[in-house]
């Protein structure tokens, strides 16, 4: 099977499973399928394999922590009015870029995806969703999405393996 066909099958089937999990059993934990899909894409964007796992899971989780810290900072800067959030986001973005000097955080887009994912949950989460309440479900979603990326890559690889050549007659 070609790699494109294998990825089509692998990702398609696992997308069904992931969506069912997030809308069913994981819904009680406020895990978000859209955050998992961002992490899944980040895994591939970061090259897949173990490097993709590290970049997606660690980078996105770090970005989510920075995002929560930025929201909390914006609340503290409330006296600045309309400038509070932009200043807090600018500081958060600067922290992400500076942290990229650390090898495990060197994939800046992964950290930005995590920042955006937690900010999205905070903004869309309704009245009861605070910055601190958004962090755990975001990180859980990131880890699960990254795992789905890894499994989808492994499954696609298994589907592309050529059948072993038949062993010839030794007497021949």
C-alpha atoms as a PDB file:
ATOM      1  CA  UNK A   1       0.000   0.000   0.000  1.00  0.00           C
ATOM      2  CA  UNK A   2       1.335   3.456  -0.783  1.00  0.00           C
ATOM      3  CA  UNK A   3       2.207   5.772   2.102  1.00  0.00           C
ATOM      4  CA  UNK A   4      -0.587   8.159   1.115  1.00  0.00           C
ATOM      5  CA  UNK A   5      -3.150   5.356   1.165  1.00  0.00           C
ATOM      6  CA  UNK A   6      -1.758   4.032   4.459  1.00  0.00           C
ATOM      7  CA  UNK A   7      -1.917   7.466   6.077  1.00  0.00           C
ATOM      8  CA  UNK A   8      -5.426   7.941   4.722  1.00  0.00           C
ATOM      9  CA  UNK A   9      -6.600   4.714   6.349  1.00  0.00           C
ATOM     10  CA  UNK A  10      -4.608   5.171   9.537  1.00  0.00           C
ATOM     11  CA  UNK A  11      -5.524   8.781  10.198  1.00  0.00           C
ATOM     12  CA  UNK A  12      -9.110   8.370   9.031  1.00  0.00           C
ATOM     13  CA  UNK A  13      -9.843   5.411  11.297  1.00  0.00           C
ATOM     14  CA  UNK A  14      -8.021   6.900  14.269  1.00  0.00           C
ATOM     15  CA  UNK A  15      -9.808  10.236  13.787  1.00  0.00           C
ATOM     16  CA  UNK A  16     -13.085   8.372  14.248  1.00  0.00           C
ATOM     17  CA  UNK A  17     -11.764   6.753  17.434  1.00  0.00           C
ATOM     18  CA  UNK A  18     -10.351  10.026  18.788  1.00  0.00           C
ATOM     19  CA  UNK A  19     -13.538  11.950  18.140  1.00  0.00           C
ATOM     20  CA  UNK A  20     -15.621   9.244  19.793  1.00  0.00           C
ATOM     21  CA  UNK A  21     -13.304   9.220  22.833  1.00  0.00           C
ATOM     22  CA  UNK A  22     -13.367  12.983  23.267  1.00  0.00           C
ATOM     23  CA  UNK A  23     -17.116  13.352  22.741  1.00  0.00           C
ATOM     24  CA  UNK A  24     -17.860  10.298  24.876  1.00  0.00           C
ATOM     25  CA  UNK A  25     -15.698   8.963  27.714  1.00  0.00           C
ATOM     26  CA  UNK A  26     -13.319  11.944  27.906  1.00  0.00           C
ATOM     27  CA  UNK A  27     -16.046  14.620  27.807  1.00  0.00           C
ATOM     28  CA  UNK A  28     -16.389  14.504  31.600  1.00  0.00           C
ATOM     29  CA  UNK A  29     -12.759  15.606  31.896  1.00  0.00           C
ATOM     30  CA  UNK A  30     -13.269  18.604  29.578  1.00  0.00           C
ATOM     31  CA  UNK A  31     -10.640  17.205  27.208  1.00  0.00           C
ATOM     32  CA  UNK A  32     -10.945  18.839  23.790  1.00  0.00           C
ATOM     33  CA  UNK A  33     -10.799  16.976  20.489  1.00  0.00           C
ATOM     34  CA  UNK A  34      -9.762  20.123  18.629  1.00  0.00           C
ATOM     35  CA  UNK A  35      -6.736  20.540  20.903  1.00  0.00           C
ATOM     36  CA  UNK A  36      -5.836  16.896  20.331  1.00  0.00           C
ATOM     37  CA  UNK A  37      -6.025  17.394  16.563  1.00  0.00           C
ATOM     38  CA  UNK A  38      -3.697  20.405  16.863  1.00  0.00           C
ATOM     39  CA  UNK A  39      -1.225  18.227  18.791  1.00  0.00           C
ATOM     40  CA  UNK A  40      -1.624  15.429  16.243  1.00  0.00           C
ATOM     41  CA  UNK A  41      -0.816  17.854  13.430  1.00  0.00           C
ATOM     42  CA  UNK A  42       2.067  19.326  15.456  1.00  0.00           C
ATOM     43  CA  UNK A  43       3.510  15.810  15.797  1.00  0.00           C
ATOM     44  CA  UNK A  44       3.671  15.500  12.004  1.00  0.00           C
ATOM     45  CA  UNK A  45       4.731  19.136  11.524  1.00  0.00           C
ATOM     46  CA  UNK A  46       7.637  18.439  13.872  1.00  0.00           C
ATOM     47  CA  UNK A  47       8.889  15.498  11.829  1.00  0.00           C
ATOM     48  CA  UNK A  48       7.055  12.632  13.496  1.00  0.00           C
ATOM     49  CA  UNK A  49       8.817   9.795  15.291  1.00  0.00           C
ATOM     50  CA  UNK A  50      10.146  10.464  18.808  1.00  0.00           C
ATOM     51  CA  UNK A  51      11.306  13.972  17.867  1.00  0.00           C
ATOM     52  CA  UNK A  52       7.723  14.804  16.898  1.00  0.00           C
ATOM     53  CA  UNK A  53       6.442  13.382  20.178  1.00  0.00           C
ATOM     54  CA  UNK A  54       8.883  15.521  22.163  1.00  0.00           C
ATOM     55  CA  UNK A  55       8.208  18.685  20.192  1.00  0.00           C
ATOM     56  CA  UNK A  56       4.431  18.302  20.299  1.00  0.00           C
ATOM     57  CA  UNK A  57       3.918  17.078  23.856  1.00  0.00           C
ATOM     58  CA  UNK A  58       6.575  19.130  25.608  1.00  0.00           C
ATOM     59  CA  UNK A  59       6.491  22.231  23.401  1.00  0.00           C
ATOM     60  CA  UNK A  60       2.710  22.507  23.329  1.00  0.00           C
ATOM     61  CA  UNK A  61       2.412  21.852  27.073  1.00  0.00           C
ATOM     62  CA  UNK A  62       5.001  24.543  27.741  1.00  0.00           C
ATOM     63  CA  UNK A  63       3.118  26.933  25.474  1.00  0.00           C
ATOM     64  CA  UNK A  64      -0.099  26.156  27.356  1.00  0.00           C
ATOM     65  CA  UNK A  65       1.587  27.010  30.666  1.00  0.00           C
ATOM     66  CA  UNK A  66       2.888  30.265  29.196  1.00  0.00           C
ATOM     67  CA  UNK A  67      -0.603  30.982  27.845  1.00  0.00           C
ATOM     68  CA  UNK A  68      -2.182  30.513  31.272  1.00  0.00           C
ATOM     69  CA  UNK A  69       0.508  32.716  32.836  1.00  0.00           C
ATOM     70  CA  UNK A  70      -0.212  35.383  30.194  1.00  0.00           C
ATOM     71  CA  UNK A  71      -3.938  35.329  30.959  1.00  0.00           C
ATOM     72  CA  UNK A  72      -3.226  35.619  34.678  1.00  0.00           C
ATOM     73  CA  UNK A  73      -0.792  38.465  33.977  1.00  0.00           C
ATOM     74  CA  UNK A  74      -3.404  40.259  31.849  1.00  0.00           C
ATOM     75  CA  UNK A  75      -5.789  40.070  34.796  1.00  0.00           C
ATOM     76  CA  UNK A  76      -3.136  41.632  37.034  1.00  0.00           C
ATOM     77  CA  UNK A  77      -2.492  44.378  34.474  1.00  0.00           C
ATOM     78  CA  UNK A  78      -6.193  45.246  34.371  1.00  0.00           C
ATOM     79  CA  UNK A  79      -5.446  48.873  35.235  1.00  0.00           C
ATOM     80  CA  UNK A  80      -3.894  49.212  31.774  1.00  0.00           C
ATOM     81  CA  UNK A  81      -7.339  48.708  30.232  1.00  0.00           C
ATOM     82  CA  UNK A  82      -7.320  47.570  26.611  1.00  0.00           C
ATOM     83  CA  UNK A  83      -3.541  47.238  26.663  1.00  0.00           C
ATOM     84  CA  UNK A  84      -3.459  44.614  29.437  1.00  0.00           C
ATOM     85  CA  UNK A  85      -4.063  41.552  27.227  1.00  0.00           C
ATOM     86  CA  UNK A  86      -1.835  42.667  24.319  1.00  0.00           C
ATOM     87  CA  UNK A  87       1.053  43.394  26.695  1.00  0.00           C
ATOM     88  CA  UNK A  88       0.615  40.054  28.492  1.00  0.00           C
ATOM     89  CA  UNK A  89       0.492  38.180  25.174  1.00  0.00           C
ATOM     90  CA  UNK A  90       3.602  40.014  23.972  1.00  0.00           C
ATOM     91  CA  UNK A  91       5.463  39.024  27.110  1.00  0.00           C
ATOM     92  CA  UNK A  92       4.276  35.417  26.725  1.00  0.00           C
ATOM     93  CA  UNK A  93       5.390  35.321  23.093  1.00  0.00           C
ATOM     94  CA  UNK A  94       8.783  36.690  24.122  1.00  0.00           C
ATOM     95  CA  UNK A  95       9.129  33.998  26.787  1.00  0.00           C
ATOM     96  CA  UNK A  96       8.376  31.317  24.176  1.00  0.00           C
ATOM     97  CA  UNK A  97      11.028  32.671  21.820  1.00  0.00           C
ATOM     98  CA  UNK A  98      13.635  33.023  24.589  1.00  0.00           C
ATOM     99  CA  UNK A  99      12.875  29.501  25.838  1.00  0.00           C
ATOM    100  CA  UNK A 100      13.611  28.114  22.375  1.00  0.00           C
ATOM    101  CA  UNK A 101      17.279  28.305  23.338  1.00  0.00           C
ATOM    102  CA  UNK A 102      16.542  25.194  25.441  1.00  0.00           C
ATOM    103  CA  UNK A 103      16.784  22.252  23.009  1.00  0.00           C
ATOM    104  CA  UNK A 104      13.559  20.526  24.103  1.00  0.00           C
ATOM    105  CA  UNK A 105      11.661  23.821  23.553  1.00  0.00           C
ATOM    106  CA  UNK A 106      13.376  24.738  20.288  1.00  0.00           C
ATOM    107  CA  UNK A 107      10.283  24.167  18.123  1.00  0.00           C
ATOM    108  CA  UNK A 108       8.692  27.581  18.555  1.00  0.00           C
ATOM    109  CA  UNK A 109       5.528  26.749  16.560  1.00  0.00           C
ATOM    110  CA  UNK A 110       4.737  23.878  18.954  1.00  0.00           C
ATOM    111  CA  UNK A 111       4.809  26.261  21.918  1.00  0.00           C
ATOM    112  CA  UNK A 112       2.677  28.766  20.028  1.00  0.00           C
ATOM    113  CA  UNK A 113       0.133  26.035  19.223  1.00  0.00           C
ATOM    114  CA  UNK A 114      -0.076  25.199  22.933  1.00  0.00           C
ATOM    115  CA  UNK A 115      -0.494  28.866  23.863  1.00  0.00           C
ATOM    116  CA  UNK A 116      -3.269  29.255  21.296  1.00  0.00           C
ATOM    117  CA  UNK A 117      -4.967  26.003  22.347  1.00  0.00           C
ATOM    118  CA  UNK A 118      -5.258  26.995  25.991  1.00  0.00           C
ATOM    119  CA  UNK A 119      -6.273  30.548  25.092  1.00  0.00           C
ATOM    120  CA  UNK A 120      -8.983  29.160  22.821  1.00  0.00           C
ATOM    121  CA  UNK A 121     -10.360  26.978  25.600  1.00  0.00           C
ATOM    122  CA  UNK A 122     -10.336  29.888  28.032  1.00  0.00           C
ATOM    123  CA  UNK A 123     -12.080  32.195  25.559  1.00  0.00           C
ATOM    124  CA  UNK A 124     -14.609  29.581  24.381  1.00  0.00           C
ATOM    125  CA  UNK A 125     -15.050  27.730  27.646  1.00  0.00           C
ATOM    126  CA  UNK A 126     -17.805  29.870  29.044  1.00  0.00           C
ATOM    127  CA  UNK A 127     -18.349  31.392  32.433  1.00  0.00           C
ATOM    128  CA  UNK A 128     -16.874  28.584  34.522  1.00  0.00           C
ATOM    129  CA  UNK A 129     -13.674  28.167  32.490  1.00  0.00           C
ATOM    130  CA  UNK A 130     -10.818  29.984  34.141  1.00  0.00           C
ATOM    131  CA  UNK A 131      -7.201  30.056  33.070  1.00  0.00           C
ATOM    132  CA  UNK A 132      -6.179  27.578  35.730  1.00  0.00           C
ATOM    133  CA  UNK A 133      -9.128  25.237  35.020  1.00  0.00           C
ATOM    134  CA  UNK A 134      -8.181  25.175  31.323  1.00  0.00           C
ATOM    135  CA  UNK A 135      -4.609  24.008  31.837  1.00  0.00           C
ATOM    136  CA  UNK A 136      -5.114  20.358  32.829  1.00  0.00           C
ATOM    137  CA  UNK A 137      -7.664  19.469  30.119  1.00  0.00           C
ATOM    138  CA  UNK A 138      -5.447  21.206  27.564  1.00  0.00           C
ATOM    139  CA  UNK A 139      -2.352  19.239  28.542  1.00  0.00           C
ATOM    140  CA  UNK A 140      -4.343  15.990  28.667  1.00  0.00           C
ATOM    141  CA  UNK A 141      -5.686  16.728  25.170  1.00  0.00           C
ATOM    142  CA  UNK A 142      -2.179  17.543  23.922  1.00  0.00           C
ATOM    143  CA  UNK A 143      -0.729  14.293  25.265  1.00  0.00           C
ATOM    144  CA  UNK A 144      -3.560  12.199  23.824  1.00  0.00           C
ATOM    145  CA  UNK A 145      -3.361  13.977  20.457  1.00  0.00           C
ATOM    146  CA  UNK A 146       0.385  13.433  20.328  1.00  0.00           C
ATOM    147  CA  UNK A 147      -0.140   9.746  21.108  1.00  0.00           C
ATOM    148  CA  UNK A 148      -2.657   9.501  18.271  1.00  0.00           C
ATOM    149  CA  UNK A 149      -0.066  11.056  15.962  1.00  0.00           C
ATOM    150  CA  UNK A 150       2.543   8.507  16.977  1.00  0.00           C
ATOM    151  CA  UNK A 151       0.131   5.577  16.619  1.00  0.00           C
ATOM    152  CA  UNK A 152      -1.130   6.809  13.244  1.00  0.00           C
ATOM    153  CA  UNK A 153       2.444   7.015  11.956  1.00  0.00           C
ATOM    154  CA  UNK A 154       3.273   3.529  13.243  1.00  0.00           C
ATOM    155  CA  UNK A 155       0.071   2.072  11.787  1.00  0.00           C
ATOM    156  CA  UNK A 156       0.724   3.720   8.406  1.00  0.00           C
ATOM    157  CA  UNK A 157       4.253   2.294   8.483  1.00  0.00           C
ATOM    158  CA  UNK A 158       2.906  -1.181   9.177  1.00  0.00           C
ATOM    159  CA  UNK A 159       0.423  -0.862   6.308  1.00  0.00           C
ATOM    160  CA  UNK A 160       3.206   0.038   3.857  1.00  0.00           C
ATOM    161  CA  UNK A 161       5.500  -2.871   4.733  1.00  0.00           C
ATOM    162  CA  UNK A 162       6.036  -5.147   1.786  1.00  0.00           C
ATOM    163  CA  UNK A 163       5.186  -8.787   2.273  1.00  0.00           C
ATOM    164  CA  UNK A 164       8.225 -10.931   2.889  1.00  0.00           C
ATOM    165  CA  UNK A 165       9.512 -12.595  -0.271  1.00  0.00           C
ATOM    166  CA  UNK A 166       8.777 -16.320  -0.358  1.00  0.00           C
ATOM    167  CA  UNK A 167      11.723 -18.452   0.592  1.00  0.00           C
ATOM    168  CA  UNK A 168      13.108 -20.161  -2.519  1.00  0.00           C
ATOM    169  CA  UNK A 169      13.676 -23.856  -2.843  1.00  0.00           C
ATOM    170  CA  UNK A 170      17.128 -24.547  -1.430  1.00  0.00           C
ATOM    171  CA  UNK A 171      17.627 -27.528  -3.734  1.00  0.00           C
ATOM    172  CA  UNK A 172      17.085 -25.331  -6.594  1.00  0.00           C
END
